[in-house]
Amino acid sequence: MTEKRLFRVEMLVYAWAEDAEAAAEAVEEQLGPLDDYTVRLQETDAVHETWRDAYPYGGPEGRTCAQLLQAQKDAQRAPEEVE
């Protein structure tokens, strides 16, 4: 019988949400309660290239992380409309 060893498993997911609380809720809807995990949430303006084509939890259907970030950047660059 092979001896077992302890492994540290880190998991990276992306969520599209208004704030950190909503991001955690979006992830919990898919993965279950995060109570047993050490969770660090942070807003991001970049995504690792291997995740560019991934769909974030809570995101609109069919929109990848890269597409959402690009739309967000475009919206920030657009001049504000004046009434």
Protein backbone atom coordinates (compact mmCIF):
# COMPACT_ATOMS: atom_id res chain seq x y z
CA MET A 1 0.00 0.00 0.00
CA THR A 2 1.33 3.42 -0.97
CA GLU A 3 1.81 5.91 1.85
CA LYS A 4 -0.36 8.99 1.63
CA ARG A 5 1.05 12.50 1.81
CA LEU A 6 -0.51 15.88 2.47
CA PHE A 7 -1.04 18.12 -0.56
CA ARG A 8 -1.89 21.80 -0.66
CA VAL A 9 -4.39 22.46 -3.43
CA GLU A 10 -4.92 26.03 -4.56
CA MET A 11 -7.82 26.87 -6.80
CA LEU A 12 -8.29 30.00 -8.86
CA VAL A 13 -11.73 31.07 -10.07
CA TYR A 14 -13.09 34.31 -11.47
CA ALA A 15 -16.48 35.84 -10.68
CA TRP A 16 -18.27 38.77 -12.33
CA ALA A 17 -19.96 40.73 -9.55
CA GLU A 18 -20.62 44.17 -8.07
CA ASP A 19 -18.48 43.57 -4.99
CA ALA A 20 -16.54 40.90 -3.07
CA GLU A 21 -19.63 39.66 -1.21
CA ALA A 22 -21.54 39.15 -4.46
CA ALA A 23 -18.49 37.42 -5.97
CA ALA A 24 -18.37 34.97 -3.07
CA GLU A 25 -22.10 34.30 -3.47
CA ALA A 26 -21.69 33.63 -7.20
CA VAL A 27 -18.92 31.11 -6.51
CA GLU A 28 -20.86 29.47 -3.67
CA GLU A 29 -23.81 28.92 -6.02
CA GLN A 30 -21.56 26.65 -8.09
CA LEU A 31 -19.13 25.17 -5.56
CA GLY A 32 -21.04 25.21 -2.30
CA PRO A 33 -20.23 27.00 0.97
CA LEU A 34 -16.78 28.52 1.23
CA ASP A 35 -16.79 28.28 5.03
CA ASP A 36 -14.18 25.50 5.07
CA TYR A 37 -11.76 27.33 2.80
CA THR A 38 -9.33 30.19 3.15
CA VAL A 39 -10.69 32.69 0.66
CA ARG A 40 -9.06 35.85 -0.63
CA LEU A 41 -11.12 38.04 -2.91
CA GLN A 42 -9.67 40.91 -4.85
CA GLU A 43 -10.83 42.99 -7.77
CA THR A 44 -8.73 42.49 -10.86
CA ASP A 45 -8.06 44.36 -14.07
CA ALA A 46 -6.09 41.53 -15.66
CA VAL A 47 -6.46 37.80 -16.09
CA HIS A 48 -3.74 35.19 -16.58
CA GLU A 49 -3.50 34.25 -20.26
CA THR A 50 -4.50 30.64 -19.61
CA TRP A 51 -7.80 31.93 -18.18
CA ARG A 52 -8.59 34.50 -20.91
CA ASP A 53 -11.17 32.20 -22.54
CA ALA A 54 -12.72 31.06 -19.25
CA TYR A 55 -16.25 32.01 -18.25
CA PRO A 56 -16.40 33.69 -14.81
CA TYR A 57 -18.98 32.65 -12.22
CA GLY A 58 -21.87 35.11 -12.28
CA GLY A 59 -20.91 36.44 -15.71
CA PRO A 60 -23.24 36.91 -18.64
CA GLU A 61 -23.77 33.81 -20.77
CA GLY A 62 -21.13 33.34 -23.44
CA ARG A 63 -18.81 36.19 -22.32
CA THR A 64 -15.25 35.25 -21.37
CA CYS A 65 -13.06 36.92 -18.77
CA ALA A 66 -11.09 38.63 -21.52
CA GLN A 67 -14.23 39.95 -23.22
CA LEU A 68 -15.63 41.30 -19.96
CA LEU A 69 -12.36 43.00 -19.00
CA GLN A 70 -12.05 44.57 -22.44
CA ALA A 71 -15.62 45.91 -22.27
CA GLN A 72 -14.90 47.29 -18.79
CA LYS A 73 -11.72 49.03 -20.01
CA ASP A 74 -13.53 50.43 -23.06
CA ALA A 75 -16.29 51.82 -20.84
CA GLN A 76 -13.74 53.52 -18.57
CA ARG A 77 -12.04 55.16 -21.58
CA ALA A 78 -15.27 56.38 -23.17
CA PRO A 79 -16.05 60.05 -22.53
CA GLU A 80 -18.85 60.62 -20.08
CA GLU A 81 -22.11 61.71 -21.61
CA VAL A 82 -23.29 65.13 -20.53
CA GLU A 83 -27.00 65.76 -20.23
